[in-house]
Amino acid sequence: MAGRKPRVEEESPVALKRRARKINRILGETYPYAVAELDFRNAFELLVATVLSAQTTDVRVNLTTPALFERYPDARSLSEADEIELQEIIRPTGFYRAKANSLLALSRRIVDEFDGVVPARLEDLVTLPGVGRKTANVVLGNAFGVPGITVDTHFGRLARRFRWTTSEDPVKVEMDVAALFDRKDWTMLSHHVVFHGRRICHAKKPACAVCPVAALCPSFGEGETDPMKAAKLLKYELAPGREDLLELMRAGRTRAELRDAGHGLGA
């Protein structure tokens, strides 16, 4: 629903924190099914999938990783992979030569330094080739249950639109946003914001008129404010004509179950 801009130029730190937490509560109610959109069964699979997700879509990664993990189910087998064969498997994700180099290097380091087991500390994860804070926080929050804020392009864009930060630097964005929320909420906050950025608050033309947090957003009006036009901008399960998929997701059906039932999960 649409709403007028809050007067955030006069906002106190306490008011900012209160508004930020209210936004997260509403997004949690909007996307109660929000999860990591990369398919994985363990920390190794999530780490690899996250590295592959750079410059491509989660949907494309999810189509690629089943064959990859069947061939290389753990760090040790991946560390011994033939580079050309690995490149061919991951080619659909783009930048496959660089990604293959990263996967080989990080898996070898996991084998050599961590006995083949993906480490569960941020300071260890970021020493792996191709792994920065974003990837480390994805793995920590979703595979190990360690709270973390994942600052991808969607999260950074929305954090600035919500005026939670003014920074373009991902680490500074992470620190600014972390100060507004309880640590226990960081991982789900990341899911809520990323889901919202992919479905409603798009980069080029956000669907402002149908945004559930419009009344709390200082950037309201940057996108489409006509309700009928805005509704046509919705993506994924919120897109017009996908009401059945939305109901199934709200009912708790897993992504695997939805795919098996023939539901495409792309935009």
Protein backbone atom coordinates (compact mmCIF):
# COMPACT_ATOMS: atom_id res chain seq x y z
CA MET A 1 0.00 0.00 0.00
CA ALA A 2 1.22 3.52 -0.71
CA GLY A 3 1.94 6.19 1.85
CA ARG A 4 3.52 9.59 2.22
CA LYS A 5 7.19 10.07 3.02
CA PRO A 6 8.16 10.11 6.69
CA ARG A 7 10.14 13.20 7.68
CA VAL A 8 13.37 11.31 8.26
CA GLU A 9 15.52 14.44 7.92
CA GLU A 10 14.48 15.18 11.51
CA GLU A 11 14.77 11.57 12.66
CA SER A 12 16.57 10.84 15.92
CA PRO A 13 18.74 7.71 16.37
CA VAL A 14 15.99 6.17 18.49
CA ALA A 15 13.33 6.96 15.89
CA LEU A 16 15.55 5.54 13.14
CA LYS A 17 15.98 2.30 15.04
CA ARG A 18 12.25 2.09 15.74
CA ARG A 19 11.37 2.70 12.07
CA ALA A 20 13.97 0.19 10.86
CA ARG A 21 12.66 -2.53 13.15
CA LYS A 22 9.07 -1.84 12.12
CA ILE A 23 10.09 -2.19 8.46
CA ASN A 24 11.70 -5.54 9.23
CA ARG A 25 8.58 -6.74 11.07
CA ILE A 26 6.37 -5.84 8.13
CA LEU A 27 8.73 -7.46 5.62
CA GLY A 28 8.75 -10.57 7.81
CA GLU A 29 4.96 -10.68 7.64
CA THR A 30 5.08 -10.12 3.87
CA TYR A 31 7.70 -12.83 3.27
CA PRO A 32 7.24 -15.41 6.05
CA TYR A 33 8.69 -18.01 3.67
CA ALA A 34 11.93 -16.08 3.06
CA VAL A 35 14.97 -18.36 2.97
CA ALA A 36 18.30 -18.53 1.20
CA GLU A 37 17.34 -18.94 -2.45
CA LEU A 38 20.36 -21.07 -3.27
CA ASP A 39 19.81 -24.82 -2.92
CA PHE A 40 22.19 -26.57 -0.52
CA ARG A 41 22.40 -29.52 1.85
CA ASN A 42 25.49 -28.54 3.83
CA ALA A 43 28.01 -25.74 4.34
CA PHE A 44 30.25 -26.91 1.50
CA GLU A 45 27.41 -26.82 -1.03
CA LEU A 46 26.26 -23.39 0.15
CA LEU A 47 29.79 -22.00 -0.03
CA VAL A 48 30.29 -23.27 -3.57
CA ALA A 49 26.83 -22.11 -4.70
CA THR A 50 27.42 -18.64 -3.28
CA VAL A 51 30.72 -18.31 -5.11
CA LEU A 52 28.97 -19.37 -8.32
CA SER A 53 26.16 -16.86 -7.79
CA ALA A 54 28.36 -13.86 -8.60
CA GLN A 55 27.12 -12.04 -11.72
CA THR A 56 24.30 -14.51 -12.33
CA THR A 57 20.94 -15.53 -10.88
CA ASP A 58 20.23 -17.98 -8.08
CA VAL A 59 17.90 -19.78 -10.48
CA ARG A 60 20.78 -20.40 -12.89
CA VAL A 61 23.03 -21.59 -10.06
CA ASN A 62 20.36 -23.98 -8.81
CA LEU A 63 20.11 -25.50 -12.28
CA THR A 64 23.88 -26.00 -12.39
CA THR A 65 24.80 -27.29 -8.94
CA PRO A 66 23.06 -30.72 -8.97
CA ALA A 67 25.48 -32.04 -11.61
CA LEU A 68 28.38 -30.27 -9.93
CA PHE A 69 27.73 -31.82 -6.52
CA GLU A 70 27.06 -35.23 -7.97
CA ARG A 71 30.52 -35.12 -9.53
CA TYR A 72 32.26 -33.35 -6.63
CA PRO A 73 30.33 -33.92 -3.37
CA ASP A 74 32.93 -32.49 -0.98
CA ALA A 75 35.97 -30.25 -0.74
CA ARG A 76 38.45 -33.07 -1.23
CA SER A 77 36.92 -34.32 -4.47
CA LEU A 78 36.57 -30.77 -5.78
CA SER A 79 40.19 -30.01 -4.91
CA GLU A 80 41.22 -32.85 -7.20
CA ALA A 81 38.94 -31.86 -10.08
CA ASP A 82 40.15 -31.50 -13.64
CA GLU A 83 39.98 -27.77 -14.32
CA ILE A 84 38.60 -28.08 -17.86
CA GLU A 85 35.89 -30.52 -16.75
CA LEU A 86 34.96 -28.21 -13.87
CA GLN A 87 34.76 -25.23 -16.21
CA GLU A 88 32.37 -27.07 -18.49
CA ILE A 89 30.04 -28.00 -15.64
CA ILE A 90 29.81 -24.45 -14.30
CA ARG A 91 29.93 -22.68 -17.69
CA PRO A 92 26.20 -21.72 -17.56
CA THR A 93 26.87 -19.48 -14.52
CA GLY A 94 29.20 -17.21 -16.49
CA PHE A 95 32.78 -16.16 -15.74
CA TYR A 96 33.39 -19.88 -15.50
CA ARG A 97 37.18 -19.77 -15.82
CA ALA A 98 37.60 -17.37 -12.90
CA LYS A 99 34.99 -19.23 -10.85
CA ALA A 100 36.68 -22.57 -11.52
CA ASN A 101 39.98 -21.10 -10.34
CA SER A 102 38.34 -19.86 -7.15
CA LEU A 103 36.59 -23.17 -6.46
CA LEU A 104 39.77 -25.16 -6.96
CA ALA A 105 41.80 -22.81 -4.79
CA LEU A 106 39.27 -22.57 -1.95
CA SER A 107 38.65 -26.32 -1.86
CA ARG A 108 42.39 -27.01 -1.73
CA ARG A 109 42.76 -24.55 1.13
CA ILE A 110 39.86 -26.20 2.98
CA VAL A 111 41.58 -29.55 2.59
CA ASP A 112 45.05 -28.28 3.52
CA GLU A 113 44.14 -25.88 6.33
CA PHE A 114 40.82 -27.15 7.72
CA ASP A 115 41.00 -30.91 7.20
CA GLY A 116 38.40 -30.82 4.45
CA VAL A 117 35.73 -29.15 6.59
CA VAL A 118 34.31 -25.70 5.84
CA PRO A 119 35.28 -23.48 8.79
CA ALA A 120 32.52 -21.93 10.89
CA ARG A 121 34.25 -18.64 11.75
CA LEU A 122 34.15 -15.48 9.67
CA GLU A 123 37.85 -14.80 10.17
CA ASP A 124 38.64 -18.23 8.69
CA LEU A 125 36.11 -18.11 5.86
CA VAL A 126 37.40 -14.80 4.50
CA THR A 127 40.88 -16.33 4.10
CA LEU A 128 39.49 -18.68 1.44
CA PRO A 129 40.12 -17.60 -2.18
CA GLY A 130 37.07 -15.87 -3.66
CA VAL A 131 35.31 -15.52 -0.29
CA GLY A 132 34.56 -12.09 1.13
CA ARG A 133 32.38 -10.96 4.02
CA LYS A 134 29.17 -11.29 1.99
CA THR A 135 29.79 -14.93 1.12
CA ALA A 136 31.07 -15.67 4.63
CA ASN A 137 27.93 -14.22 6.21
CA VAL A 138 25.71 -16.22 3.86
CA VAL A 139 27.42 -19.44 4.94
CA LEU A 140 27.55 -18.54 8.63
CA GLY A 141 23.91 -17.49 8.84
CA ASN A 142 22.37 -20.25 6.77
CA ALA A 143 24.62 -23.27 7.29
CA PHE A 144 25.91 -22.68 10.82
CA GLY A 145 23.20 -20.59 12.46
CA VAL A 146 25.65 -17.77 13.23
CA PRO A 147 23.87 -14.41 12.73
CA GLY A 148 25.21 -12.30 9.89
CA ILE A 149 24.11 -9.51 7.56
CA THR A 150 24.52 -10.26 3.87
CA VAL A 151 25.16 -7.06 1.94
CA ASP A 152 24.55 -7.87 -1.71
CA THR A 153 23.43 -5.34 -4.32
CA HIS A 154 19.77 -5.64 -3.27
CA PHE A 155 20.50 -5.20 0.43
CA GLY A 156 22.77 -2.22 -0.12
CA ARG A 157 20.26 -0.50 -2.39
CA LEU A 158 17.38 -0.92 0.05
CA ALA A 159 19.43 0.01 3.10
CA ARG A 160 20.18 3.34 1.41
CA ARG A 161 16.59 3.84 0.27
CA PHE A 162 15.39 3.18 3.81
CA ARG A 163 18.06 5.65 5.05
CA TRP A 164 19.58 3.01 7.31
CA THR A 165 22.93 4.06 5.86
CA THR A 166 24.33 6.53 3.36
CA SER A 167 27.39 4.45 2.53
CA GLU A 168 28.20 2.64 -0.72
CA ASP A 169 30.86 0.54 1.02
CA PRO A 170 29.47 -2.94 1.85
CA VAL A 171 31.36 -3.27 5.12
CA LYS A 172 30.18 0.16 6.32
CA VAL A 173 26.62 -0.71 5.26
CA GLU A 174 26.87 -3.92 7.28
CA MET A 175 28.09 -2.08 10.37
CA ASP A 176 25.50 0.73 10.09
CA VAL A 177 22.60 -1.71 9.70
CA ALA A 178 23.88 -4.06 12.41
CA ALA A 179 23.67 -1.20 14.89
CA LEU A 180 19.92 -0.89 14.27
CA PHE A 181 18.93 -4.49 14.97
CA ASP A 182 19.41 -7.21 17.55
CA ARG A 183 22.11 -9.66 16.49
CA LYS A 184 19.68 -12.58 16.56
CA ASP A 185 17.67 -10.91 13.77
CA TRP A 186 20.53 -10.29 11.33
CA THR A 187 20.19 -13.39 9.15
CA MET A 188 16.42 -13.18 8.67
CA LEU A 189 16.68 -9.42 8.18
CA SER A 190 18.99 -10.16 5.25
CA HIS A 191 16.46 -12.56 3.74
CA HIS A 192 13.57 -10.14 4.20
CA VAL A 193 15.38 -7.23 2.58
CA VAL A 194 16.80 -9.25 -0.32
CA PHE A 195 13.39 -10.81 -1.04
CA HIS A 196 11.84 -7.35 -1.06
CA GLY A 197 14.52 -6.00 -3.37
CA ARG A 198 13.98 -8.78 -5.87
CA ARG A 199 10.19 -8.68 -5.82
CA ILE A 200 9.06 -5.10 -5.23
CA CYS A 201 11.83 -2.57 -4.60
CA HIS A 202 13.64 -2.98 -7.93
CA ALA A 203 16.73 -1.03 -8.88
CA LYS A 204 15.33 0.82 -11.90
CA LYS A 205 11.63 1.08 -11.13
CA PRO A 206 10.41 0.06 -7.69
CA ALA A 207 6.72 -0.74 -7.34
CA CYS A 208 6.13 1.95 -4.70
CA ALA A 209 2.33 1.95 -4.86
CA VAL A 210 2.07 -1.70 -3.79
CA CYS A 211 4.96 -1.69 -1.30
CA PRO A 212 3.98 -2.87 2.20
CA VAL A 213 6.44 -0.45 3.84
CA ALA A 214 5.67 2.58 1.67
CA ALA A 215 4.47 4.64 4.62
CA LEU A 216 7.83 4.08 6.37
CA CYS A 217 10.07 4.61 3.36
CA PRO A 218 11.73 8.00 2.82
CA SER A 219 12.30 7.06 -0.83
CA PHE A 220 8.62 6.54 -1.61
CA GLY A 221 7.89 8.06 -5.01
CA GLU A 222 11.15 7.09 -6.68
CA GLY A 223 9.20 4.34 -8.42
CA GLU A 224 5.70 3.74 -9.78
CA THR A 225 2.97 5.30 -7.61
CA ASP A 226 -0.01 4.19 -9.68
CA PRO A 227 -1.34 0.99 -8.04
CA MET A 228 -2.38 -0.74 -11.25
CA LYS A 229 0.91 0.02 -13.00
CA ALA A 230 2.92 -0.89 -9.92
CA ALA A 231 1.20 -4.27 -9.62
CA LYS A 232 2.48 -5.19 -13.07
CA LEU A 233 6.05 -4.66 -11.87
CA LEU A 234 5.89 -7.39 -9.21
CA LYS A 235 8.14 -10.40 -9.75
CA TYR A 236 8.55 -14.03 -8.71
CA GLU A 237 5.65 -15.39 -6.64
CA LEU A 238 4.12 -11.90 -6.29
CA ALA A 239 3.78 -11.43 -10.04
CA PRO A 240 0.23 -11.28 -11.45
CA GLY A 241 -0.99 -14.77 -12.30
CA ARG A 242 1.21 -16.58 -9.78
CA GLU A 243 -1.22 -16.55 -6.87
CA ASP A 244 -1.13 -20.34 -6.64
CA LEU A 245 2.64 -20.31 -6.17
CA LEU A 246 2.38 -17.62 -3.49
CA GLU A 247 -0.20 -19.64 -1.56
CA LEU A 248 1.95 -22.76 -1.68
CA MET A 249 4.99 -20.84 -0.45
CA ARG A 250 2.97 -19.33 2.37
CA ALA A 251 1.78 -22.84 3.23
CA GLY A 252 5.37 -23.90 3.77
CA ARG A 253 6.11 -25.90 0.63
CA THR A 254 9.85 -26.22 0.06
CA ARG A 255 11.57 -25.02 -3.09
CA ALA A 256 12.34 -28.61 -4.05
CA GLU A 257 8.67 -29.58 -3.65
CA LEU A 258 7.58 -26.62 -5.75
CA ARG A 259 10.01 -27.49 -8.52
CA ASP A 260 8.91 -31.14 -8.46
CA ALA A 261 5.33 -29.93 -8.87
CA GLY A 262 6.32 -28.01 -11.99
CA HIS A 263 6.46 -24.49 -10.59
CA GLY A 264 9.16 -22.28 -12.07
CA LEU A 265 10.77 -20.17 -9.37
CA GLY A 266 12.28 -17.51 -11.59
CA ALA A 267 11.02 -13.99 -12.17
